[in-house]
Amino acid sequence: MRRILAILMENEPGSLSRIVGLFSQRAFNIESLTVAPTDDNTLSRMTIATRGDDKVLEQIVKQVNKLVDVLKITDITDRQHIERELLLVKVVAITEKARTEVKRITDIFRGNIVDIGKQIYTIQLTGNADKLNAFIETLKHETEILESVRSGCVGIARGDKALRA
């Protein structure tokens, strides 16, 4: 089962490696990992998306929670939440037909063309993983994808509950 963990931690050197080390010790794969400072520069928020056995994950969560750098850890998977990913993709758009089709597909998926070269368009798209995957599959049928990069999942619980120190 896919799980999304939100972790509030001190913004200190080594914090990230200690948390990731716990996953590695248990041979548990991290699907995506994002981390950045919060509105308080002394704190960082990490979002980990992973898949696997619930019992093993429960142990990892307990161990992560015991780390000195970690203030809170929450599994937001079963709560109402919002999750997003950022995709940047470079595509070949040589012919007028290809350029028109790339623009049309980008508009349908509510993306933005953020850079235009002579034959290359760079597109930005945000959404959940399913939306980004569908966009990539649709583009593949119309043009050549030169390069793509994804941010990984970030998530936040809906409502008045907040992950705060």
C-alpha atoms as a PDB file:
ATOM      1  CA  MET A   1       0.000   0.000   0.000  1.00  0.00           C
ATOM      2  CA  ARG A   2       1.206   3.532  -0.804  1.00  0.00           C
ATOM      3  CA  ARG A   3       1.834   5.745   2.239  1.00  0.00           C
ATOM      4  CA  ILE A   4       2.579   9.460   2.522  1.00  0.00           C
ATOM      5  CA  LEU A   5       4.468  10.574   5.608  1.00  0.00           C
ATOM      6  CA  ALA A   6       4.821  14.215   6.660  1.00  0.00           C
ATOM      7  CA  ILE A   7       7.738  14.892   9.006  1.00  0.00           C
ATOM      8  CA  LEU A   8       8.503  18.118  10.851  1.00  0.00           C
ATOM      9  CA  MET A   9      12.143  18.219  11.866  1.00  0.00           C
ATOM     10  CA  GLU A  10      14.934  20.537  12.911  1.00  0.00           C
ATOM     11  CA  ASN A  11      16.720  22.142   9.987  1.00  0.00           C
ATOM     12  CA  GLU A  12      20.141  20.761  10.910  1.00  0.00           C
ATOM     13  CA  PRO A  13      22.920  18.996   8.977  1.00  0.00           C
ATOM     14  CA  GLY A  14      22.519  15.221   9.101  1.00  0.00           C
ATOM     15  CA  SER A  15      18.787  15.185   9.907  1.00  0.00           C
ATOM     16  CA  LEU A  16      17.823  13.969   6.447  1.00  0.00           C
ATOM     17  CA  SER A  17      20.423  11.197   6.384  1.00  0.00           C
ATOM     18  CA  ARG A  18      19.349   9.866   9.808  1.00  0.00           C
ATOM     19  CA  ILE A  19      15.728   9.556   8.680  1.00  0.00           C
ATOM     20  CA  VAL A  20      16.567   8.033   5.316  1.00  0.00           C
ATOM     21  CA  GLY A  21      18.985   5.675   7.089  1.00  0.00           C
ATOM     22  CA  LEU A  22      16.104   4.114   9.019  1.00  0.00           C
ATOM     23  CA  PHE A  23      14.348   3.265   5.753  1.00  0.00           C
ATOM     24  CA  SER A  24      17.555   1.866   4.313  1.00  0.00           C
ATOM     25  CA  GLN A  25      18.265  -0.293   7.379  1.00  0.00           C
ATOM     26  CA  ARG A  26      14.869  -1.958   6.962  1.00  0.00           C
ATOM     27  CA  ALA A  27      15.349  -2.350   3.179  1.00  0.00           C
ATOM     28  CA  PHE A  28      12.309  -0.141   2.669  1.00  0.00           C
ATOM     29  CA  ASN A  29      12.200   1.805  -0.590  1.00  0.00           C
ATOM     30  CA  ILE A  30      11.404   5.522  -0.717  1.00  0.00           C
ATOM     31  CA  GLU A  31       9.357   6.324  -3.822  1.00  0.00           C
ATOM     32  CA  SER A  32       9.840  10.076  -3.496  1.00  0.00           C
ATOM     33  CA  LEU A  33      11.290  12.434  -0.951  1.00  0.00           C
ATOM     34  CA  THR A  34      10.937  16.194  -0.746  1.00  0.00           C
ATOM     35  CA  VAL A  35      12.307  18.429   1.964  1.00  0.00           C
ATOM     36  CA  ALA A  36      12.534  22.190   2.423  1.00  0.00           C
ATOM     37  CA  PRO A  37      12.547  24.775   5.213  1.00  0.00           C
ATOM     38  CA  THR A  38       9.149  25.872   6.553  1.00  0.00           C
ATOM     39  CA  ASP A  39       8.045  29.418   7.354  1.00  0.00           C
ATOM     40  CA  ASP A  40      10.319  28.992  10.412  1.00  0.00           C
ATOM     41  CA  ASN A  41      13.872  28.630   9.032  1.00  0.00           C
ATOM     42  CA  THR A  42      14.909  26.480  12.015  1.00  0.00           C
ATOM     43  CA  LEU A  43      12.456  23.773  10.891  1.00  0.00           C
ATOM     44  CA  SER A  44      12.137  21.669   7.750  1.00  0.00           C
ATOM     45  CA  ARG A  45       9.228  19.651   6.466  1.00  0.00           C
ATOM     46  CA  MET A  46       9.866  16.377   4.732  1.00  0.00           C
ATOM     47  CA  THR A  47       7.348  14.420   2.696  1.00  0.00           C
ATOM     48  CA  ILE A  48       8.102  10.771   1.997  1.00  0.00           C
ATOM     49  CA  ALA A  49       6.023   8.656  -0.364  1.00  0.00           C
ATOM     50  CA  THR A  50       6.630   4.930  -0.019  1.00  0.00           C
ATOM     51  CA  ARG A  51       5.006   1.545  -0.604  1.00  0.00           C
ATOM     52  CA  GLY A  52       5.191  -1.593   1.428  1.00  0.00           C
ATOM     53  CA  ASP A  53       4.235  -3.670   4.398  1.00  0.00           C
ATOM     54  CA  ASP A  54       2.216  -1.743   7.014  1.00  0.00           C
ATOM     55  CA  LYS A  55       3.909  -3.481   9.963  1.00  0.00           C
ATOM     56  CA  VAL A  56       7.406  -2.572   8.802  1.00  0.00           C
ATOM     57  CA  LEU A  57       6.323   0.984   8.083  1.00  0.00           C
ATOM     58  CA  GLU A  58       4.769   1.261  11.537  1.00  0.00           C
ATOM     59  CA  GLN A  59       8.140   0.280  13.056  1.00  0.00           C
ATOM     60  CA  ILE A  60       9.973   2.828  10.908  1.00  0.00           C
ATOM     61  CA  VAL A  61       7.517   5.570  11.942  1.00  0.00           C
ATOM     62  CA  LYS A  62       8.085   4.725  15.624  1.00  0.00           C
ATOM     63  CA  GLN A  63      11.860   4.812  15.157  1.00  0.00           C
ATOM     64  CA  VAL A  64      11.776   8.074  13.167  1.00  0.00           C
ATOM     65  CA  ASN A  65       9.654   9.616  15.914  1.00  0.00           C
ATOM     66  CA  LYS A  66      12.371   8.789  18.461  1.00  0.00           C
ATOM     67  CA  LEU A  67      15.076  10.698  16.559  1.00  0.00           C
ATOM     68  CA  VAL A  68      16.194  13.860  18.349  1.00  0.00           C
ATOM     69  CA  ASP A  69      15.820  16.012  15.206  1.00  0.00           C
ATOM     70  CA  VAL A  70      12.207  14.923  14.589  1.00  0.00           C
ATOM     71  CA  LEU A  71       9.451  16.995  16.187  1.00  0.00           C
ATOM     72  CA  LYS A  72       6.450  15.237  14.604  1.00  0.00           C
ATOM     73  CA  ILE A  73       5.670  12.562  12.054  1.00  0.00           C
ATOM     74  CA  THR A  74       2.228  12.010  10.583  1.00  0.00           C
ATOM     75  CA  ASP A  75       0.906   9.495   8.081  1.00  0.00           C
ATOM     76  CA  ILE A  76      -1.526  11.592   6.012  1.00  0.00           C
ATOM     77  CA  THR A  77      -2.519   8.771   3.665  1.00  0.00           C
ATOM     78  CA  ASP A  78      -5.794   7.881   5.373  1.00  0.00           C
ATOM     79  CA  ARG A  79      -6.787  11.470   6.140  1.00  0.00           C
ATOM     80  CA  GLN A  80      -8.355  13.835   3.700  1.00  0.00           C
ATOM     81  CA  HIS A  81      -5.359  15.485   2.117  1.00  0.00           C
ATOM     82  CA  ILE A  82      -4.069  17.326  -0.908  1.00  0.00           C
ATOM     83  CA  GLU A  83      -1.022  16.043  -2.729  1.00  0.00           C
ATOM     84  CA  ARG A  84       0.825  17.541  -5.651  1.00  0.00           C
ATOM     85  CA  GLU A  85       3.882  16.942  -7.770  1.00  0.00           C
ATOM     86  CA  LEU A  86       5.697  19.240 -10.169  1.00  0.00           C
ATOM     87  CA  LEU A  87       6.737  18.018 -13.617  1.00  0.00           C
ATOM     88  CA  LEU A  88       9.064  19.791 -16.030  1.00  0.00           C
ATOM     89  CA  VAL A  89       9.300  18.159 -19.445  1.00  0.00           C
ATOM     90  CA  LYS A  90      11.204  19.108 -22.623  1.00  0.00           C
ATOM     91  CA  VAL A  91       9.596  18.074 -25.897  1.00  0.00           C
ATOM     92  CA  VAL A  92      10.494  18.357 -29.560  1.00  0.00           C
ATOM     93  CA  ALA A  93       8.115  20.599 -31.506  1.00  0.00           C
ATOM     94  CA  ILE A  94       9.579  20.936 -35.011  1.00  0.00           C
ATOM     95  CA  THR A  95       6.483  21.175 -37.203  1.00  0.00           C
ATOM     96  CA  GLU A  96       3.581  23.579 -36.844  1.00  0.00           C
ATOM     97  CA  LYS A  97       1.289  20.582 -36.302  1.00  0.00           C
ATOM     98  CA  ALA A  98       3.475  19.310 -33.441  1.00  0.00           C
ATOM     99  CA  ARG A  99       3.641  22.777 -31.806  1.00  0.00           C
ATOM    100  CA  THR A 100      -0.134  23.145 -32.033  1.00  0.00           C
ATOM    101  CA  GLU A 101      -0.708  19.679 -30.583  1.00  0.00           C
ATOM    102  CA  VAL A 102       1.741  20.250 -27.709  1.00  0.00           C
ATOM    103  CA  LYS A 103       0.004  23.546 -26.862  1.00  0.00           C
ATOM    104  CA  ARG A 104      -3.422  21.897 -27.029  1.00  0.00           C
ATOM    105  CA  ILE A 105      -2.433  18.981 -24.773  1.00  0.00           C
ATOM    106  CA  THR A 106      -0.726  21.366 -22.326  1.00  0.00           C
ATOM    107  CA  ASP A 107      -3.903  23.488 -22.148  1.00  0.00           C
ATOM    108  CA  ILE A 108      -6.128  20.438 -21.623  1.00  0.00           C
ATOM    109  CA  PHE A 109      -3.983  19.356 -18.652  1.00  0.00           C
ATOM    110  CA  ARG A 110      -3.783  22.969 -17.361  1.00  0.00           C
ATOM    111  CA  GLY A 111      -0.035  23.135 -17.760  1.00  0.00           C
ATOM    112  CA  ASN A 112       2.184  26.015 -18.833  1.00  0.00           C
ATOM    113  CA  ILE A 113       4.815  26.294 -21.517  1.00  0.00           C
ATOM    114  CA  VAL A 114       7.637  27.947 -19.572  1.00  0.00           C
ATOM    115  CA  ASP A 115      10.357  28.034 -22.225  1.00  0.00           C
ATOM    116  CA  ILE A 116      10.360  28.012 -26.014  1.00  0.00           C
ATOM    117  CA  GLY A 117      13.366  27.375 -28.227  1.00  0.00           C
ATOM    118  CA  LYS A 118      13.535  26.947 -31.972  1.00  0.00           C
ATOM    119  CA  GLN A 119      12.353  23.338 -31.767  1.00  0.00           C
ATOM    120  CA  ILE A 120      12.050  22.634 -28.050  1.00  0.00           C
ATOM    121  CA  TYR A 121       9.227  23.459 -25.655  1.00  0.00           C
ATOM    122  CA  THR A 122       9.615  23.118 -21.882  1.00  0.00           C
ATOM    123  CA  ILE A 123       6.336  22.481 -20.099  1.00  0.00           C
ATOM    124  CA  GLN A 124       5.466  22.781 -16.425  1.00  0.00           C
ATOM    125  CA  LEU A 125       2.608  20.813 -14.929  1.00  0.00           C
ATOM    126  CA  THR A 126       1.427  20.262 -11.367  1.00  0.00           C
ATOM    127  CA  GLY A 127      -1.008  17.683 -10.086  1.00  0.00           C
ATOM    128  CA  ASN A 128      -1.200  14.249  -8.581  1.00  0.00           C
ATOM    129  CA  ALA A 129       0.909  11.389  -9.938  1.00  0.00           C
ATOM    130  CA  ASP A 130      -1.948   9.981 -12.051  1.00  0.00           C
ATOM    131  CA  LYS A 131      -2.443  13.303 -13.835  1.00  0.00           C
ATOM    132  CA  LEU A 132       1.281  13.665 -14.562  1.00  0.00           C
ATOM    133  CA  ASN A 133       1.518  10.074 -15.817  1.00  0.00           C
ATOM    134  CA  ALA A 134      -1.481  10.601 -18.108  1.00  0.00           C
ATOM    135  CA  PHE A 135       0.066  13.814 -19.470  1.00  0.00           C
ATOM    136  CA  ILE A 136       3.353  12.055 -20.256  1.00  0.00           C
ATOM    137  CA  GLU A 137       1.562   9.156 -21.976  1.00  0.00           C
ATOM    138  CA  THR A 138      -0.495  11.585 -24.071  1.00  0.00           C
ATOM    139  CA  LEU A 139       2.597  13.565 -25.071  1.00  0.00           C
ATOM    140  CA  LYS A 140       4.461  10.410 -26.091  1.00  0.00           C
ATOM    141  CA  HIS A 141       1.852   9.793 -28.796  1.00  0.00           C
ATOM    142  CA  GLU A 142       2.301  13.259 -30.293  1.00  0.00           C
ATOM    143  CA  THR A 143       5.973  14.175 -29.930  1.00  0.00           C
ATOM    144  CA  GLU A 144       9.369  13.087 -28.660  1.00  0.00           C
ATOM    145  CA  ILE A 145      10.137  13.690 -24.992  1.00  0.00           C
ATOM    146  CA  LEU A 146      13.762  14.746 -24.601  1.00  0.00           C
ATOM    147  CA  GLU A 147      13.907  15.008 -20.841  1.00  0.00           C
ATOM    148  CA  SER A 148      11.619  15.077 -17.839  1.00  0.00           C
ATOM    149  CA  VAL A 149      12.060  15.741 -14.151  1.00  0.00           C
ATOM    150  CA  ARG A 150       9.584  15.360 -11.287  1.00  0.00           C
ATOM    151  CA  SER A 151       9.686  16.885  -7.829  1.00  0.00           C
ATOM    152  CA  GLY A 152       8.119  13.984  -6.000  1.00  0.00           C
ATOM    153  CA  CYS A 153       5.016  14.116  -3.869  1.00  0.00           C
ATOM    154  CA  VAL A 154       4.263  16.867  -1.371  1.00  0.00           C
ATOM    155  CA  GLY A 155       1.146  16.590   0.734  1.00  0.00           C
ATOM    156  CA  ILE A 156      -0.815  18.457   3.345  1.00  0.00           C
ATOM    157  CA  ALA A 157      -3.795  17.367   5.418  1.00  0.00           C
ATOM    158  CA  ARG A 158      -7.064  19.181   4.807  1.00  0.00           C
ATOM    159  CA  GLY A 159      -8.899  21.051   7.539  1.00  0.00           C
ATOM    160  CA  ASP A 160      -7.735  22.800  10.672  1.00  0.00           C
ATOM    161  CA  LYS A 161      -5.158  20.230  11.813  1.00  0.00           C
ATOM    162  CA  ALA A 162      -1.580  21.323  11.138  1.00  0.00           C
ATOM    163  CA  LEU A 163       1.828  19.745  11.512  1.00  0.00           C
ATOM    164  CA  ARG A 164       3.398  22.275  13.870  1.00  0.00           C
ATOM    165  CA  ALA A 165       6.033  22.169  16.583  1.00  0.00           C
END
